[in-house]
Structure formats: C-alpha cells, structure tokens
C-alpha cells in the first residue's frame, strides 16, 4: 500500500535573528498554500506525508526540525513560547503567508502553541499528545507516562538528564513497536515508510540526545497557553484503535471541550498511524477551513 511517504522535494535552512538556523523540508508546489508540519517525537523534517495528494491539492507542505533535532541548531532551555517566536519569524522570512499547521503525536503541543498565538490560520492535531500534566489526567495516563510527568513537575532538569540517557533511535523505535496495535505495526512495517521513519529518527539524534530530551520535557509539562483562548479552527484526529500511552488518554474528548473552535474526529477503523492511512480526510479539513475564510 502507498502510504504517501516521499523523499523531500526541497531541503534548506533559514537563519533566525539570533543567528541560529532552522532546517526544513518541503513537498508540493513552491507557490502552493503553506501547511506546516510539527513532526512527532524523535523525528525530523525527513518524514512527511501526503504523497501526490499535496501536489494535487496545491499544498506546500513544510516540515521544520525543532531546535537541537536534525539540522536545526540547538537552543538550550527553549520553550513553547520561543518555538512560537521562531516559527513566526520563519513564516515571515519564507513568505509563507497565512499557513495552517499539522501537529502529529508529540508535535501536537508545538502546533497548538502556534494556534494559541494566532501564528496559523487553522490546525489539525493528528494522534496528538494531550496535556498529560494537566488536572484532567491526574489518574489517567499509563504508569510509565505518569512517572515521566511527575519527574518533569518535580525537577525538569533532572528529568531531562533521564530522558537524554534513554534517548536513541533504536530505543524509541522499539518503544513505538511495543506500544502500537497491530494496525499500526502493519503500517510501520511498510518498507518505504519504515525507511523514512528510521532515517528521520537517525537524524533526530545526529546532535546527541539533548534535543529529544528537551522536547520531552516540554511535552510532559504544563502548557504555557490556555487552550480555551484558541480562536482558529482546530480539528482533533484520533484512531479508535490507537494504543500509544503518550497520546491522549480519552482520544481528545476533554481537549475538544476546552478548545471552543475544536472539532473531534475519532475514526473507527484507524489507529495512531492515521496521518498516513487517512491523509485525505486530514487535508480536506484544512482546505475547507482555508476556503471558508
């Protein structure tokens, strides 16, 4: 099955005002409507989605490496606010206009931070990590995830050291396989997708483990923005069979009640890999928001 994974059409780096560089990859027409991609945990710009769909829809898909991952320069102590400032400059510098954003898995809080700041016109959260440190999930997360959340709340610097010690492409791949359902394992076994996924994971640790560790601290901590203040359209996409302990324990049900502009979709035949198995639905929702403006 073709899951829409292609090598990037274009690769590059953009200089930020403080001299750091953000690395990016693109697919689709250069003059198309920009859709930013916030990739999942321990992956980079190399792993895209959409295949020929983005070309046919006139979408310029732009994936950006977060600082310290892939080819983006490190930024010790970065926050979701600093990430938002980086991307706002990136949008202006690359003349991306009024883009939308897709946040996959651990990329969700980074995408929602952009939505909360009004940096994007719409957001699609796909198999997204929820605010696991929030009071909504005091008893819900998997014990291993609960331990990570508690560690970040108690001492984020020590938690980052622990995450860095664990982090590697092989360890994260094994964890994904161990916590995925059969639907997802079948998708990730596809040779093309697996090759791109492993390539992206290898890139993610090219500078060491600090970038992954900082990402995880931010993902497991409290969000510095109020979801209730998001005003742009947000689609929350979850697969009914998703078994990842680091995604949303209630498949976005409580999050959809917090975000006044949210629409929640729980697909009965999908799992955590729906970014590649139900791409058309995700893209069509974003295009509908663009056309409604």
C-alpha atoms as a PDB file:
ATOM      1  CA  UNK A   1       0.000   0.000   0.000  1.00  0.00           C
ATOM      2  CA  UNK A   2       1.187   3.510  -0.831  1.00  0.00           C
ATOM      3  CA  UNK A   3       1.170   5.488   2.438  1.00  0.00           C
ATOM      4  CA  UNK A   4       2.176   8.732   0.746  1.00  0.00           C
ATOM      5  CA  UNK A   5       5.752   8.879   2.019  1.00  0.00           C
ATOM      6  CA  UNK A   6       8.179  10.556  -0.380  1.00  0.00           C
ATOM      7  CA  UNK A   7      11.674  11.992  -0.083  1.00  0.00           C
ATOM      8  CA  UNK A   8      11.518  15.778   0.387  1.00  0.00           C
ATOM      9  CA  UNK A   9      11.281  17.808  -2.797  1.00  0.00           C
ATOM     10  CA  UNK A  10      13.344  20.617  -1.276  1.00  0.00           C
ATOM     11  CA  UNK A  11      15.619  20.953   1.769  1.00  0.00           C
ATOM     12  CA  UNK A  12      17.067  24.078   3.320  1.00  0.00           C
ATOM     13  CA  UNK A  13      17.845  26.161   6.383  1.00  0.00           C
ATOM     14  CA  UNK A  14      16.577  29.563   7.492  1.00  0.00           C
ATOM     15  CA  UNK A  15      18.609  31.932   9.657  1.00  0.00           C
ATOM     16  CA  UNK A  16      16.898  33.331  12.760  1.00  0.00           C
ATOM     17  CA  UNK A  17      17.588  36.803  14.212  1.00  0.00           C
ATOM     18  CA  UNK A  18      19.931  35.391  16.876  1.00  0.00           C
ATOM     19  CA  UNK A  19      21.980  33.535  14.258  1.00  0.00           C
ATOM     20  CA  UNK A  20      20.532  30.065  14.809  1.00  0.00           C
ATOM     21  CA  UNK A  21      19.322  28.055  11.843  1.00  0.00           C
ATOM     22  CA  UNK A  22      16.047  26.193  11.436  1.00  0.00           C
ATOM     23  CA  UNK A  23      16.189  23.281   8.996  1.00  0.00           C
ATOM     24  CA  UNK A  24      13.175  22.483   6.854  1.00  0.00           C
ATOM     25  CA  UNK A  25      11.872  20.206   4.125  1.00  0.00           C
ATOM     26  CA  UNK A  26       9.129  20.812   1.586  1.00  0.00           C
ATOM     27  CA  UNK A  27       6.797  18.842  -0.628  1.00  0.00           C
ATOM     28  CA  UNK A  28       4.292  20.096  -3.188  1.00  0.00           C
ATOM     29  CA  UNK A  29       4.306  23.265  -5.297  1.00  0.00           C
ATOM     30  CA  UNK A  30       6.508  26.136  -4.110  1.00  0.00           C
ATOM     31  CA  UNK A  31       3.679  28.580  -4.795  1.00  0.00           C
ATOM     32  CA  UNK A  32       1.076  26.447  -3.017  1.00  0.00           C
ATOM     33  CA  UNK A  33      -0.808  27.146   0.203  1.00  0.00           C
ATOM     34  CA  UNK A  34       1.600  26.519   3.082  1.00  0.00           C
ATOM     35  CA  UNK A  35       0.839  23.843   5.658  1.00  0.00           C
ATOM     36  CA  UNK A  36       3.441  23.500   8.408  1.00  0.00           C
ATOM     37  CA  UNK A  37       4.168  20.101   9.933  1.00  0.00           C
ATOM     38  CA  UNK A  38       5.269  19.678  13.555  1.00  0.00           C
ATOM     39  CA  UNK A  39       6.698  16.131  13.492  1.00  0.00           C
ATOM     40  CA  UNK A  40       6.325  13.516  16.197  1.00  0.00           C
ATOM     41  CA  UNK A  41       8.803  12.610  18.926  1.00  0.00           C
ATOM     42  CA  UNK A  42      12.406  11.989  17.942  1.00  0.00           C
ATOM     43  CA  UNK A  43      11.817  12.521  14.227  1.00  0.00           C
ATOM     44  CA  UNK A  44      12.742  15.257  11.798  1.00  0.00           C
ATOM     45  CA  UNK A  45      11.669  17.055   8.650  1.00  0.00           C
ATOM     46  CA  UNK A  46      12.545  13.992   6.578  1.00  0.00           C
ATOM     47  CA  UNK A  47       9.336  12.107   7.433  1.00  0.00           C
ATOM     48  CA  UNK A  48       6.466  13.696   5.540  1.00  0.00           C
ATOM     49  CA  UNK A  49       3.043  12.554   4.425  1.00  0.00           C
ATOM     50  CA  UNK A  50       0.554  13.141   1.657  1.00  0.00           C
ATOM     51  CA  UNK A  51       2.477  11.917  -1.382  1.00  0.00           C
ATOM     52  CA  UNK A  52       0.802  13.110  -4.582  1.00  0.00           C
ATOM     53  CA  UNK A  53      -2.172  14.461  -2.604  1.00  0.00           C
ATOM     54  CA  UNK A  54      -0.306  17.618  -1.568  1.00  0.00           C
ATOM     55  CA  UNK A  55       0.735  18.250  -5.169  1.00  0.00           C
ATOM     56  CA  UNK A  56      -2.791  17.714  -6.494  1.00  0.00           C
ATOM     57  CA  UNK A  57      -4.320  19.935  -3.782  1.00  0.00           C
ATOM     58  CA  UNK A  58      -1.847  22.762  -4.305  1.00  0.00           C
ATOM     59  CA  UNK A  59      -0.435  22.374  -0.790  1.00  0.00           C
ATOM     60  CA  UNK A  60       3.114  23.395   0.057  1.00  0.00           C
ATOM     61  CA  UNK A  61       3.872  21.087   2.967  1.00  0.00           C
ATOM     62  CA  UNK A  62       6.702  22.472   5.114  1.00  0.00           C
ATOM     63  CA  UNK A  63       8.208  20.421   7.942  1.00  0.00           C
ATOM     64  CA  UNK A  64      10.601  22.117  10.383  1.00  0.00           C
ATOM     65  CA  UNK A  65      13.168  20.477  12.656  1.00  0.00           C
ATOM     66  CA  UNK A  66      12.776  21.695  16.217  1.00  0.00           C
ATOM     67  CA  UNK A  67      15.945  23.172  17.776  1.00  0.00           C
ATOM     68  CA  UNK A  68      18.549  20.544  18.580  1.00  0.00           C
ATOM     69  CA  UNK A  69      16.968  17.899  16.336  1.00  0.00           C
ATOM     70  CA  UNK A  70      18.067  17.057  12.827  1.00  0.00           C
ATOM     71  CA  UNK A  71      19.821  20.025  11.218  1.00  0.00           C
ATOM     72  CA  UNK A  72      18.300  22.810  13.364  1.00  0.00           C
ATOM     73  CA  UNK A  73      20.731  24.476  15.738  1.00  0.00           C
ATOM     74  CA  UNK A  74      20.353  23.714  19.423  1.00  0.00           C
ATOM     75  CA  UNK A  75      18.696  26.178  21.784  1.00  0.00           C
ATOM     76  CA  UNK A  76      19.209  25.102  25.417  1.00  0.00           C
ATOM     77  CA  UNK A  77      16.292  25.978  27.649  1.00  0.00           C
ATOM     78  CA  UNK A  78      13.926  26.574  24.761  1.00  0.00           C
ATOM     79  CA  UNK A  79      10.217  26.802  25.484  1.00  0.00           C
ATOM     80  CA  UNK A  80       6.966  26.565  23.576  1.00  0.00           C
ATOM     81  CA  UNK A  81       6.957  30.372  23.546  1.00  0.00           C
ATOM     82  CA  UNK A  82      10.428  30.548  21.986  1.00  0.00           C
ATOM     83  CA  UNK A  83       9.350  27.931  19.437  1.00  0.00           C
ATOM     84  CA  UNK A  84       6.381  30.109  18.510  1.00  0.00           C
ATOM     85  CA  UNK A  85       8.630  33.147  18.076  1.00  0.00           C
ATOM     86  CA  UNK A  86      10.996  31.116  15.879  1.00  0.00           C
ATOM     87  CA  UNK A  87       8.170  29.969  13.622  1.00  0.00           C
ATOM     88  CA  UNK A  88       6.610  33.414  13.382  1.00  0.00           C
ATOM     89  CA  UNK A  89       9.945  34.691  12.067  1.00  0.00           C
ATOM     90  CA  UNK A  90      10.231  31.641   9.811  1.00  0.00           C
ATOM     91  CA  UNK A  91       6.793  32.326   8.295  1.00  0.00           C
ATOM     92  CA  UNK A  92       7.706  35.940   7.562  1.00  0.00           C
ATOM     93  CA  UNK A  93      11.179  35.133   6.276  1.00  0.00           C
ATOM     94  CA  UNK A  94       9.975  32.463   3.869  1.00  0.00           C
ATOM     95  CA  UNK A  95       6.877  34.432   2.874  1.00  0.00           C
ATOM     96  CA  UNK A  96       4.503  31.602   3.758  1.00  0.00           C
ATOM     97  CA  UNK A  97       1.517  33.901   4.055  1.00  0.00           C
ATOM     98  CA  UNK A  98      -1.260  32.566   6.282  1.00  0.00           C
ATOM     99  CA  UNK A  99      -0.347  28.903   6.818  1.00  0.00           C
ATOM    100  CA  UNK A 100      -2.136  26.089   8.606  1.00  0.00           C
ATOM    101  CA  UNK A 101      -0.354  23.573  10.814  1.00  0.00           C
ATOM    102  CA  UNK A 102      -0.455  19.824  11.379  1.00  0.00           C
ATOM    103  CA  UNK A 103       0.808  18.506  14.712  1.00  0.00           C
ATOM    104  CA  UNK A 104       1.481  14.776  14.794  1.00  0.00           C
ATOM    105  CA  UNK A 105       1.869  12.873  18.075  1.00  0.00           C
ATOM    106  CA  UNK A 106       4.379  14.777  20.259  1.00  0.00           C
ATOM    107  CA  UNK A 107       4.242  17.607  17.731  1.00  0.00           C
ATOM    108  CA  UNK A 108       0.746  18.468  18.998  1.00  0.00           C
ATOM    109  CA  UNK A 109       1.678  20.921  21.786  1.00  0.00           C
ATOM    110  CA  UNK A 110       4.030  22.710  19.400  1.00  0.00           C
ATOM    111  CA  UNK A 111       1.242  23.054  16.829  1.00  0.00           C
ATOM    112  CA  UNK A 112      -1.302  24.163  19.436  1.00  0.00           C
ATOM    113  CA  UNK A 113       1.147  26.781  20.743  1.00  0.00           C
ATOM    114  CA  UNK A 114       1.196  28.257  17.235  1.00  0.00           C
ATOM    115  CA  UNK A 115      -2.605  28.187  17.105  1.00  0.00           C
ATOM    116  CA  UNK A 116      -2.883  29.859  20.519  1.00  0.00           C
ATOM    117  CA  UNK A 117      -0.552  32.649  19.362  1.00  0.00           C
ATOM    118  CA  UNK A 118      -2.554  33.202  16.179  1.00  0.00           C
ATOM    119  CA  UNK A 119       0.504  32.318  14.095  1.00  0.00           C
ATOM    120  CA  UNK A 120      -1.533  29.940  11.903  1.00  0.00           C
ATOM    121  CA  UNK A 121      -4.993  30.061  10.365  1.00  0.00           C
ATOM    122  CA  UNK A 122      -6.052  26.507  11.270  1.00  0.00           C
ATOM    123  CA  UNK A 123      -4.671  23.419  12.973  1.00  0.00           C
ATOM    124  CA  UNK A 124      -5.037  19.673  12.569  1.00  0.00           C
ATOM    125  CA  UNK A 125      -3.892  17.627  15.558  1.00  0.00           C
ATOM    126  CA  UNK A 126      -3.323  14.024  14.482  1.00  0.00           C
ATOM    127  CA  UNK A 127      -2.890  11.307  17.138  1.00  0.00           C
ATOM    128  CA  UNK A 128      -1.801  14.166  19.321  1.00  0.00           C
ATOM    129  CA  UNK A 129      -0.181  14.178  22.722  1.00  0.00           C
ATOM    130  CA  UNK A 130      -2.553  15.833  25.166  1.00  0.00           C
ATOM    131  CA  UNK A 131      -1.654  17.995  28.172  1.00  0.00           C
ATOM    132  CA  UNK A 132      -0.821  14.938  30.236  1.00  0.00           C
ATOM    133  CA  UNK A 133       0.367  17.085  33.144  1.00  0.00           C
ATOM    134  CA  UNK A 134      -2.981  18.838  33.379  1.00  0.00           C
ATOM    135  CA  UNK A 135      -5.522  18.138  36.118  1.00  0.00           C
ATOM    136  CA  UNK A 136      -7.801  16.357  33.636  1.00  0.00           C
ATOM    137  CA  UNK A 137      -5.463  13.369  33.616  1.00  0.00           C
ATOM    138  CA  UNK A 138      -4.339  13.007  37.208  1.00  0.00           C
ATOM    139  CA  UNK A 139      -5.162   9.291  37.223  1.00  0.00           C
ATOM    140  CA  UNK A 140      -5.494   8.517  33.509  1.00  0.00           C
ATOM    141  CA  UNK A 141      -2.017   8.171  31.976  1.00  0.00           C
ATOM    142  CA  UNK A 142      -0.115   4.906  31.771  1.00  0.00           C
ATOM    143  CA  UNK A 143       2.086   4.428  34.889  1.00  0.00           C
ATOM    144  CA  UNK A 144       5.271   4.928  32.844  1.00  0.00           C
ATOM    145  CA  UNK A 145       3.930   8.176  31.376  1.00  0.00           C
ATOM    146  CA  UNK A 146       2.685   9.283  34.804  1.00  0.00           C
ATOM    147  CA  UNK A 147       6.205   8.807  36.140  1.00  0.00           C
ATOM    148  CA  UNK A 148       7.600  11.000  33.349  1.00  0.00           C
ATOM    149  CA  UNK A 149       5.011  13.715  34.021  1.00  0.00           C
ATOM    150  CA  UNK A 150       5.758  13.649  37.753  1.00  0.00           C
ATOM    151  CA  UNK A 151       9.501  13.780  37.106  1.00  0.00           C
ATOM    152  CA  UNK A 152       9.138  16.907  34.959  1.00  0.00           C
ATOM    153  CA  UNK A 153       6.893  18.567  37.549  1.00  0.00           C
ATOM    154  CA  UNK A 154       9.344  17.782  40.355  1.00  0.00           C
ATOM    155  CA  UNK A 155      12.671  18.611  38.688  1.00  0.00           C
ATOM    156  CA  UNK A 156      12.672  19.296  34.939  1.00  0.00           C
ATOM    157  CA  UNK A 157      16.467  19.452  34.694  1.00  0.00           C
ATOM    158  CA  UNK A 158      16.911  16.023  36.262  1.00  0.00           C
ATOM    159  CA  UNK A 159      14.078  14.687  34.115  1.00  0.00           C
ATOM    160  CA  UNK A 160      15.852  15.961  31.013  1.00  0.00           C
ATOM    161  CA  UNK A 161      19.008  14.086  32.017  1.00  0.00           C
ATOM    162  CA  UNK A 162      16.974  10.901  32.444  1.00  0.00           C
ATOM    163  CA  UNK A 163      15.272  11.339  29.067  1.00  0.00           C
ATOM    164  CA  UNK A 164      18.630  12.014  27.424  1.00  0.00           C
ATOM    165  CA  UNK A 165      20.087   8.816  28.903  1.00  0.00           C
ATOM    166  CA  UNK A 166      17.202   6.796  27.443  1.00  0.00           C
ATOM    167  CA  UNK A 167      17.024   8.526  24.074  1.00  0.00           C
ATOM    168  CA  UNK A 168      18.260   6.787  20.934  1.00  0.00           C
ATOM    169  CA  UNK A 169      16.772   5.956  17.561  1.00  0.00           C
ATOM    170  CA  UNK A 170      16.752   2.234  18.324  1.00  0.00           C
ATOM    171  CA  UNK A 171      15.241   2.628  21.798  1.00  0.00           C
ATOM    172  CA  UNK A 172      12.448   4.881  20.543  1.00  0.00           C
ATOM    173  CA  UNK A 173      11.681   2.639  17.576  1.00  0.00           C
ATOM    174  CA  UNK A 174      11.452  -0.393  19.855  1.00  0.00           C
ATOM    175  CA  UNK A 175       9.135   1.555  22.180  1.00  0.00           C
ATOM    176  CA  UNK A 176       6.855   2.537  19.294  1.00  0.00           C
ATOM    177  CA  UNK A 177       6.632  -1.057  18.131  1.00  0.00           C
ATOM    178  CA  UNK A 178       5.987  -2.349  21.655  1.00  0.00           C
ATOM    179  CA  UNK A 179       3.161   0.086  22.368  1.00  0.00           C
ATOM    180  CA  UNK A 180       1.480   0.048  18.947  1.00  0.00           C
ATOM    181  CA  UNK A 181      -1.512  -2.048  17.990  1.00  0.00           C
ATOM    182  CA  UNK A 182      -1.446  -4.483  15.081  1.00  0.00           C
ATOM    183  CA  UNK A 183      -2.891  -1.883  12.679  1.00  0.00           C
ATOM    184  CA  UNK A 184      -0.006   0.480  13.362  1.00  0.00           C
ATOM    185  CA  UNK A 185       2.675  -2.205  13.325  1.00  0.00           C
ATOM    186  CA  UNK A 186       1.467  -3.236   9.859  1.00  0.00           C
ATOM    187  CA  UNK A 187       1.680   0.366   8.619  1.00  0.00           C
ATOM    188  CA  UNK A 188       5.135   0.901  10.117  1.00  0.00           C
ATOM    189  CA  UNK A 189       6.339  -2.352   8.551  1.00  0.00           C
ATOM    190  CA  UNK A 190       5.819  -0.880   5.075  1.00  0.00           C
ATOM    191  CA  UNK A 191       9.382  -0.736   3.669  1.00  0.00           C
ATOM    192  CA  UNK A 192       9.100   2.806   2.303  1.00  0.00           C
ATOM    193  CA  UNK A 193       7.526   4.285   5.435  1.00  0.00           C
ATOM    194  CA  UNK A 194       9.822   2.334   7.737  1.00  0.00           C
ATOM    195  CA  UNK A 195      12.903   3.543   5.850  1.00  0.00           C
ATOM    196  CA  UNK A 196      11.811   7.190   6.023  1.00  0.00           C
ATOM    197  CA  UNK A 197      10.800   6.850   9.679  1.00  0.00           C
ATOM    198  CA  UNK A 198      14.134   5.314  10.665  1.00  0.00           C
ATOM    199  CA  UNK A 199      16.022   7.902   8.595  1.00  0.00           C
ATOM    200  CA  UNK A 200      14.169  10.700  10.417  1.00  0.00           C
ATOM    201  CA  UNK A 201      14.880   9.102  13.800  1.00  0.00           C
ATOM    202  CA  UNK A 202      18.551   8.747  12.964  1.00  0.00           C
ATOM    203  CA  UNK A 203      18.682  12.430  12.029  1.00  0.00           C
ATOM    204  CA  UNK A 204      16.905  13.410  15.239  1.00  0.00           C
ATOM    205  CA  UNK A 205      19.847  12.171  17.316  1.00  0.00           C
ATOM    206  CA  UNK A 206      22.595  13.444  15.000  1.00  0.00           C
ATOM    207  CA  UNK A 207      23.463  16.192  17.515  1.00  0.00           C
ATOM    208  CA  UNK A 208      23.063  13.937  20.541  1.00  0.00           C
ATOM    209  CA  UNK A 209      20.116  13.384  22.847  1.00  0.00           C
ATOM    210  CA  UNK A 210      19.581  16.864  24.329  1.00  0.00           C
ATOM    211  CA  UNK A 211      17.112  17.974  21.660  1.00  0.00           C
ATOM    212  CA  UNK A 212      14.923  14.920  22.202  1.00  0.00           C
ATOM    213  CA  UNK A 213      15.171  15.338  25.978  1.00  0.00           C
ATOM    214  CA  UNK A 214      14.092  18.989  25.864  1.00  0.00           C
ATOM    215  CA  UNK A 215      11.186  18.128  23.541  1.00  0.00           C
ATOM    216  CA  UNK A 216      10.024  15.501  26.022  1.00  0.00           C
ATOM    217  CA  UNK A 217      10.246  17.875  28.982  1.00  0.00           C
ATOM    218  CA  UNK A 218       8.047  20.365  27.116  1.00  0.00           C
ATOM    219  CA  UNK A 219       5.586  17.660  26.050  1.00  0.00           C
ATOM    220  CA  UNK A 220       5.276  16.226  29.580  1.00  0.00           C
ATOM    221  CA  UNK A 221       4.913  19.583  31.318  1.00  0.00           C
ATOM    222  CA  UNK A 222       2.057  22.055  31.691  1.00  0.00           C
ATOM    223  CA  UNK A 223       1.208  24.052  28.606  1.00  0.00           C
ATOM    224  CA  UNK A 224       2.047  27.783  28.918  1.00  0.00           C
ATOM    225  CA  UNK A 225      -1.058  28.751  26.966  1.00  0.00           C
ATOM    226  CA  UNK A 226      -4.783  28.416  27.573  1.00  0.00           C
ATOM    227  CA  UNK A 227      -6.485  26.148  25.005  1.00  0.00           C
ATOM    228  CA  UNK A 228      -9.745  27.971  25.708  1.00  0.00           C
ATOM    229  CA  UNK A 229      -8.258  31.111  24.136  1.00  0.00           C
ATOM    230  CA  UNK A 230      -7.573  29.474  20.770  1.00  0.00           C
ATOM    231  CA  UNK A 231      -9.693  31.172  18.127  1.00  0.00           C
ATOM    232  CA  UNK A 232      -8.607  29.451  14.907  1.00  0.00           C
ATOM    233  CA  UNK A 233     -10.295  26.216  13.750  1.00  0.00           C
ATOM    234  CA  UNK A 234      -8.775  23.062  15.273  1.00  0.00           C
ATOM    235  CA  UNK A 235      -9.526  19.525  14.099  1.00  0.00           C
ATOM    236  CA  UNK A 236      -8.587  16.748  16.524  1.00  0.00           C
ATOM    237  CA  UNK A 237      -7.998  13.419  14.771  1.00  0.00           C
ATOM    238  CA  UNK A 238      -7.718  10.124  16.648  1.00  0.00           C
ATOM    239  CA  UNK A 239      -7.955   6.493  15.679  1.00  0.00           C
ATOM    240  CA  UNK A 240     -10.222   4.336  17.826  1.00  0.00           C
ATOM    241  CA  UNK A 241      -7.546   1.612  17.988  1.00  0.00           C
ATOM    242  CA  UNK A 242      -4.660   3.903  18.990  1.00  0.00           C
ATOM    243  CA  UNK A 243      -2.868   2.310  21.949  1.00  0.00           C
ATOM    244  CA  UNK A 244       0.013   4.747  22.386  1.00  0.00           C
ATOM    245  CA  UNK A 245       0.267   5.679  26.083  1.00  0.00           C
ATOM    246  CA  UNK A 246       1.718   9.110  25.241  1.00  0.00           C
ATOM    247  CA  UNK A 247      -1.193  10.290  23.091  1.00  0.00           C
ATOM    248  CA  UNK A 248      -4.497  11.447  24.551  1.00  0.00           C
ATOM    249  CA  UNK A 249      -5.958   9.023  27.138  1.00  0.00           C
ATOM    250  CA  UNK A 250      -9.501   9.979  26.078  1.00  0.00           C
ATOM    251  CA  UNK A 251      -8.801  10.465  22.348  1.00  0.00           C
ATOM    252  CA  UNK A 252      -9.156  14.219  22.656  1.00  0.00           C
ATOM    253  CA  UNK A 253     -12.614  14.245  24.261  1.00  0.00           C
ATOM    254  CA  UNK A 254     -11.794  16.631  27.096  1.00  0.00           C
ATOM    255  CA  UNK A 255      -9.440  18.685  24.915  1.00  0.00           C
ATOM    256  CA  UNK A 256     -12.232  19.243  22.409  1.00  0.00           C
ATOM    257  CA  UNK A 257     -14.342  20.685  25.211  1.00  0.00           C
ATOM    258  CA  UNK A 258     -11.567  23.079  26.205  1.00  0.00           C
ATOM    259  CA  UNK A 259     -10.923  24.461  22.711  1.00  0.00           C
ATOM    260  CA  UNK A 260     -14.004  26.418  21.632  1.00  0.00           C
ATOM    261  CA  UNK A 261     -13.184  26.050  17.934  1.00  0.00           C
ATOM    262  CA  UNK A 262     -12.406  22.320  18.033  1.00  0.00           C
ATOM    263  CA  UNK A 263     -13.989  19.519  16.039  1.00  0.00           C
ATOM    264  CA  UNK A 264     -13.167  15.998  17.215  1.00  0.00           C
ATOM    265  CA  UNK A 265     -12.937  13.046  14.834  1.00  0.00           C
ATOM    266  CA  UNK A 266     -12.462   9.513  16.176  1.00  0.00           C
ATOM    267  CA  UNK A 267     -12.071   7.178  13.214  1.00  0.00           C
ATOM    268  CA  UNK A 268     -13.399   3.669  13.953  1.00  0.00           C
ATOM    269  CA  UNK A 269     -11.040   1.850  11.583  1.00  0.00           C
ATOM    270  CA  UNK A 270      -7.862   3.797  12.348  1.00  0.00           C
ATOM    271  CA  UNK A 271      -5.093   3.820  14.929  1.00  0.00           C
ATOM    272  CA  UNK A 272      -2.134   6.069  15.727  1.00  0.00           C
ATOM    273  CA  UNK A 273      -0.766   5.947  12.181  1.00  0.00           C
ATOM    274  CA  UNK A 274      -3.772   7.748  10.670  1.00  0.00           C
ATOM    275  CA  UNK A 275      -1.567  10.571   9.369  1.00  0.00           C
ATOM    276  CA  UNK A 276      -0.578   8.091   6.654  1.00  0.00           C
ATOM    277  CA  UNK A 277      -3.718   5.978   6.409  1.00  0.00           C
ATOM    278  CA  UNK A 278      -6.331   8.773   6.396  1.00  0.00           C
ATOM    279  CA  UNK A 279      -4.336  11.633   4.920  1.00  0.00           C
ATOM    280  CA  UNK A 280      -7.064  12.758   2.555  1.00  0.00           C
ATOM    281  CA  UNK A 281      -9.533  13.456   5.369  1.00  0.00           C
ATOM    282  CA  UNK A 282      -6.976  15.499   7.329  1.00  0.00           C
ATOM    283  CA  UNK A 283      -6.010  17.609   4.320  1.00  0.00           C
ATOM    284  CA  UNK A 284      -9.596  18.126   3.215  1.00  0.00           C
ATOM    285  CA  UNK A 285     -10.497  19.531   6.638  1.00  0.00           C
ATOM    286  CA  UNK A 286      -7.682  22.087   6.392  1.00  0.00           C
ATOM    287  CA  UNK A 287      -8.623  23.048   2.842  1.00  0.00           C
ATOM    288  CA  UNK A 288     -12.239  23.541   3.930  1.00  0.00           C
ATOM    289  CA  UNK A 289     -11.124  25.989   6.618  1.00  0.00           C
ATOM    290  CA  UNK A 290      -8.993  27.868   4.095  1.00  0.00           C
ATOM    291  CA  UNK A 291     -11.870  28.088   1.619  1.00  0.00           C
ATOM    292  CA  UNK A 292     -14.294  29.262   4.314  1.00  0.00           C
ATOM    293  CA  UNK A 293     -12.209  32.319   5.170  1.00  0.00           C
END
